[in-house]
Amino acid sequence: MKLDESVAGKIYKRQEIEEIVSKARELAELLPSPEDALDCPPIREDFLEMLQSSAGDTDKILEEANNFFENLSKEEWDEMVESYNRKS
């Protein structure tokens, strides 16, 4: 419908858009039909499950980092800052 000028009006860069649509149709022909697709859980559910299972990891990492920085001596801290500034 978007490529029908009677519906959408004059199309900016029509040739480029038609090429994109053509390539998208070629790609769609290569993809399996939904009936032939693998039966697997949606990615979103897997992603949410992964986030939930790793939620405690973030807290543990932050706690370990905090302990690391709290236990640095002044000399160690100064050395880290100096090393960081040299790289910048």
N, C-alpha and C. Protein backbone atom coordinates (compact mmCIF):
# COMPACT_ATOMS: atom_id res chain seq x y z
N MET A 1 0.82 -1.19 0.00
CA MET A 1 0.00 0.00 0.00
C MET A 1 0.86 1.26 0.00
N LYS A 2 2.00 1.22 0.75
CA LYS A 2 2.85 2.41 0.84
C LYS A 2 3.49 2.74 -0.51
N LEU A 3 3.63 1.77 -1.39
CA LEU A 3 4.22 2.02 -2.70
C LEU A 3 3.17 2.40 -3.75
N ASP A 4 1.91 2.39 -3.38
CA ASP A 4 0.83 2.77 -4.30
C ASP A 4 0.64 4.28 -4.20
N GLU A 5 1.06 5.00 -5.23
CA GLU A 5 0.98 6.47 -5.19
C GLU A 5 -0.44 6.98 -5.04
N SER A 6 -1.41 6.21 -5.51
CA SER A 6 -2.80 6.67 -5.36
C SER A 6 -3.23 6.63 -3.89
N VAL A 7 -2.55 5.83 -3.09
CA VAL A 7 -2.87 5.74 -1.67
C VAL A 7 -1.91 6.62 -0.84
N ALA A 8 -0.61 6.49 -1.12
CA ALA A 8 0.41 7.13 -0.28
C ALA A 8 0.91 8.45 -0.83
N GLY A 9 0.57 8.79 -2.04
CA GLY A 9 1.09 10.01 -2.64
C GLY A 9 2.45 9.76 -3.25
N LYS A 10 3.15 10.84 -3.65
CA LYS A 10 4.46 10.69 -4.26
C LYS A 10 5.46 10.11 -3.27
N ILE A 11 6.25 9.15 -3.73
CA ILE A 11 7.16 8.42 -2.86
C ILE A 11 8.58 8.94 -3.04
N TYR A 12 9.19 9.34 -1.92
CA TYR A 12 10.55 9.83 -1.91
C TYR A 12 11.50 8.65 -2.09
N LYS A 13 12.46 8.78 -3.02
CA LYS A 13 13.45 7.74 -3.30
C LYS A 13 12.78 6.41 -3.62
N ARG A 14 11.81 6.45 -4.51
CA ARG A 14 11.00 5.28 -4.86
C ARG A 14 11.86 4.10 -5.31
N GLN A 15 12.85 4.34 -6.15
CA GLN A 15 13.67 3.24 -6.68
C GLN A 15 14.39 2.51 -5.54
N GLU A 16 14.95 3.27 -4.61
CA GLU A 16 15.64 2.65 -3.47
C GLU A 16 14.67 1.83 -2.63
N ILE A 17 13.49 2.36 -2.41
CA ILE A 17 12.49 1.66 -1.62
C ILE A 17 12.06 0.38 -2.33
N GLU A 18 11.86 0.45 -3.63
CA GLU A 18 11.47 -0.74 -4.38
C GLU A 18 12.56 -1.81 -4.34
N GLU A 19 13.83 -1.39 -4.37
CA GLU A 19 14.93 -2.35 -4.27
C GLU A 19 14.93 -3.02 -2.89
N ILE A 20 14.70 -2.25 -1.85
CA ILE A 20 14.65 -2.80 -0.50
C ILE A 20 13.50 -3.80 -0.38
N VAL A 21 12.35 -3.43 -0.89
CA VAL A 21 11.19 -4.32 -0.85
C VAL A 21 11.48 -5.60 -1.61
N SER A 22 12.13 -5.47 -2.76
CA SER A 22 12.47 -6.65 -3.56
C SER A 22 13.39 -7.59 -2.80
N LYS A 23 14.42 -7.03 -2.17
CA LYS A 23 15.37 -7.84 -1.38
C LYS A 23 14.66 -8.47 -0.18
N ALA A 24 13.76 -7.74 0.45
CA ALA A 24 13.02 -8.28 1.60
C ALA A 24 12.16 -9.45 1.15
N ARG A 25 11.56 -9.35 -0.03
CA ARG A 25 10.76 -10.47 -0.55
C ARG A 25 11.63 -11.67 -0.85
N GLU A 26 12.85 -11.43 -1.40
CA GLU A 26 13.78 -12.54 -1.65
C GLU A 26 14.14 -13.22 -0.34
N LEU A 27 14.41 -12.44 0.68
CA LEU A 27 14.76 -12.99 1.98
C LEU A 27 13.58 -13.79 2.56
N ALA A 28 12.39 -13.26 2.44
CA ALA A 28 11.20 -13.94 2.97
C ALA A 28 11.00 -15.30 2.31
N GLU A 29 11.35 -15.40 1.02
CA GLU A 29 11.22 -16.68 0.32
C GLU A 29 12.21 -17.72 0.86
N LEU A 30 13.35 -17.27 1.39
CA LEU A 30 14.35 -18.19 1.93
C LEU A 30 13.99 -18.69 3.33
N LEU A 31 13.17 -17.94 4.04
CA LEU A 31 12.80 -18.31 5.40
C LEU A 31 11.77 -19.43 5.39
N PRO A 32 11.83 -20.31 6.38
CA PRO A 32 10.83 -21.38 6.43
C PRO A 32 9.45 -20.81 6.75
N SER A 33 8.43 -21.51 6.29
CA SER A 33 7.08 -21.06 6.62
C SER A 33 6.85 -21.31 8.10
N PRO A 34 5.92 -20.61 8.71
CA PRO A 34 5.68 -20.82 10.14
C PRO A 34 5.37 -22.28 10.48
N GLU A 35 4.72 -22.98 9.57
CA GLU A 35 4.39 -24.39 9.80
C GLU A 35 5.65 -25.25 9.86
N ASP A 36 6.69 -24.86 9.10
CA ASP A 36 7.93 -25.64 9.05
C ASP A 36 8.96 -25.19 10.08
N ALA A 37 8.67 -24.10 10.78
CA ALA A 37 9.63 -23.57 11.75
C ALA A 37 9.77 -24.53 12.93
N LEU A 38 10.90 -24.45 13.60
CA LEU A 38 11.14 -25.29 14.77
C LEU A 38 10.16 -24.93 15.87
N ASP A 39 9.72 -25.92 16.59
CA ASP A 39 8.84 -25.69 17.71
C ASP A 39 9.71 -25.43 18.94
N CYS A 40 9.85 -24.18 19.32
CA CYS A 40 10.68 -23.84 20.46
C CYS A 40 10.04 -22.68 21.21
N PRO A 41 10.42 -22.49 22.47
CA PRO A 41 9.83 -21.39 23.23
C PRO A 41 10.26 -20.04 22.65
N PRO A 42 9.44 -19.04 22.80
CA PRO A 42 9.82 -17.71 22.30
C PRO A 42 11.09 -17.22 22.97
N ILE A 43 11.86 -16.46 22.25
CA ILE A 43 13.13 -15.93 22.77
C ILE A 43 12.89 -15.08 24.00
N ARG A 44 11.82 -14.33 24.01
CA ARG A 44 11.57 -13.42 25.12
C ARG A 44 11.47 -14.18 26.44
N GLU A 45 10.79 -15.33 26.44
CA GLU A 45 10.67 -16.10 27.68
C GLU A 45 12.04 -16.60 28.13
N ASP A 46 12.84 -17.07 27.19
CA ASP A 46 14.18 -17.53 27.53
C ASP A 46 15.02 -16.40 28.10
N PHE A 47 14.90 -15.23 27.51
CA PHE A 47 15.68 -14.08 27.95
C PHE A 47 15.26 -13.66 29.36
N LEU A 48 13.95 -13.62 29.61
CA LEU A 48 13.47 -13.25 30.94
C LEU A 48 13.90 -14.27 31.98
N GLU A 49 13.88 -15.56 31.62
CA GLU A 49 14.32 -16.60 32.54
C GLU A 49 15.80 -16.44 32.87
N MET A 50 16.61 -16.11 31.85
CA MET A 50 18.04 -15.90 32.07
C MET A 50 18.26 -14.71 33.00
N LEU A 51 17.54 -13.63 32.78
CA LEU A 51 17.69 -12.46 33.65
C LEU A 51 17.31 -12.78 35.09
N GLN A 52 16.22 -13.53 35.26
CA GLN A 52 15.79 -13.87 36.61
C GLN A 52 16.80 -14.77 37.30
N SER A 53 17.37 -15.71 36.56
CA SER A 53 18.32 -16.64 37.18
C SER A 53 19.66 -15.97 37.51
N SER A 54 19.96 -14.86 36.84
CA SER A 54 21.24 -14.19 37.08
C SER A 54 21.09 -12.94 37.94
N ALA A 55 19.91 -12.68 38.44
CA ALA A 55 19.67 -11.46 39.21
C ALA A 55 20.60 -11.36 40.41
N GLY A 56 20.83 -12.44 41.13
CA GLY A 56 21.71 -12.43 42.28
C GLY A 56 23.16 -12.21 41.90
N ASP A 57 23.53 -12.59 40.67
CA ASP A 57 24.91 -12.43 40.23
C ASP A 57 25.33 -10.96 40.24
N THR A 58 24.45 -10.10 39.83
CA THR A 58 24.76 -8.67 39.77
C THR A 58 25.06 -8.15 41.17
N ASP A 59 24.22 -8.52 42.12
CA ASP A 59 24.45 -8.09 43.50
C ASP A 59 25.79 -8.61 44.01
N LYS A 60 26.10 -9.86 43.71
CA LYS A 60 27.36 -10.46 44.16
C LYS A 60 28.56 -9.74 43.53
N ILE A 61 28.48 -9.43 42.24
CA ILE A 61 29.57 -8.73 41.54
C ILE A 61 29.77 -7.35 42.14
N LEU A 62 28.68 -6.63 42.38
CA LEU A 62 28.79 -5.29 42.97
C LEU A 62 29.38 -5.35 44.38
N GLU A 63 28.98 -6.36 45.16
CA GLU A 63 29.51 -6.50 46.51
C GLU A 63 31.01 -6.79 46.47
N GLU A 64 31.43 -7.68 45.56
CA GLU A 64 32.86 -8.00 45.44
C GLU A 64 33.66 -6.79 44.98
N ALA A 65 33.12 -6.03 44.04
CA ALA A 65 33.81 -4.83 43.56
C ALA A 65 33.93 -3.80 44.69
N ASN A 66 32.86 -3.63 45.43
CA ASN A 66 32.88 -2.69 46.55
C ASN A 66 33.92 -3.11 47.58
N ASN A 67 33.97 -4.39 47.91
CA ASN A 67 34.98 -4.89 48.86
C ASN A 67 36.39 -4.66 48.34
N PHE A 68 36.57 -4.90 47.04
CA PHE A 68 37.89 -4.69 46.43
C PHE A 68 38.34 -3.25 46.60
N PHE A 69 37.47 -2.31 46.24
CA PHE A 69 37.85 -0.90 46.32
C PHE A 69 38.02 -0.42 47.75
N GLU A 70 37.20 -0.93 48.66
CA GLU A 70 37.33 -0.53 50.06
C GLU A 70 38.63 -1.01 50.69
N ASN A 71 39.18 -2.12 50.18
CA ASN A 71 40.39 -2.69 50.76
C ASN A 71 41.68 -2.23 50.08
N LEU A 72 41.56 -1.30 49.13
CA LEU A 72 42.76 -0.78 48.49
C LEU A 72 43.47 0.20 49.43
N SER A 73 44.76 0.13 49.41
CA SER A 73 45.53 1.13 50.17
C SER A 73 45.54 2.43 49.35
N LYS A 74 45.95 3.52 50.01
CA LYS A 74 46.03 4.80 49.29
C LYS A 74 47.00 4.69 48.12
N GLU A 75 48.10 3.98 48.32
CA GLU A 75 49.10 3.82 47.26
C GLU A 75 48.53 3.02 46.08
N GLU A 76 47.79 1.96 46.39
CA GLU A 76 47.19 1.16 45.33
C GLU A 76 46.16 1.97 44.55
N TRP A 77 45.35 2.75 45.28
CA TRP A 77 44.35 3.61 44.63
C TRP A 77 45.03 4.64 43.73
N ASP A 78 46.07 5.29 44.25
CA ASP A 78 46.79 6.30 43.46
C ASP A 78 47.40 5.67 42.21
N GLU A 79 47.93 4.45 42.35
CA GLU A 79 48.53 3.77 41.22
C GLU A 79 47.47 3.45 40.15
N MET A 80 46.29 3.01 40.59
CA MET A 80 45.21 2.73 39.63
C MET A 80 44.79 4.00 38.90
N VAL A 81 44.65 5.09 39.63
CA VAL A 81 44.23 6.36 39.02
C VAL A 81 45.30 6.83 38.03
N GLU A 82 46.54 6.72 38.41
CA GLU A 82 47.64 7.14 37.53
C GLU A 82 47.65 6.29 36.27
N SER A 83 47.49 4.99 36.43
CA SER A 83 47.48 4.09 35.28
C SER A 83 46.31 4.41 34.34
N TYR A 84 45.15 4.70 34.91
CA TYR A 84 43.99 5.06 34.11
C TYR A 84 44.22 6.36 33.35
N ASN A 85 44.79 7.33 34.01
CA ASN A 85 45.03 8.62 33.37
C ASN A 85 46.07 8.53 32.26
N ARG A 86 47.03 7.63 32.39
CA ARG A 86 48.03 7.45 31.34
C ARG A 86 47.41 6.91 30.05
N LYS A 87 46.41 6.08 30.18
CA LYS A 87 45.74 5.47 29.02
C LYS A 87 44.85 6.46 28.28
N SER A 88 44.38 7.49 28.98
CA SER A 88 43.45 8.44 28.37
C SER A 88 44.10 9.39 27.45
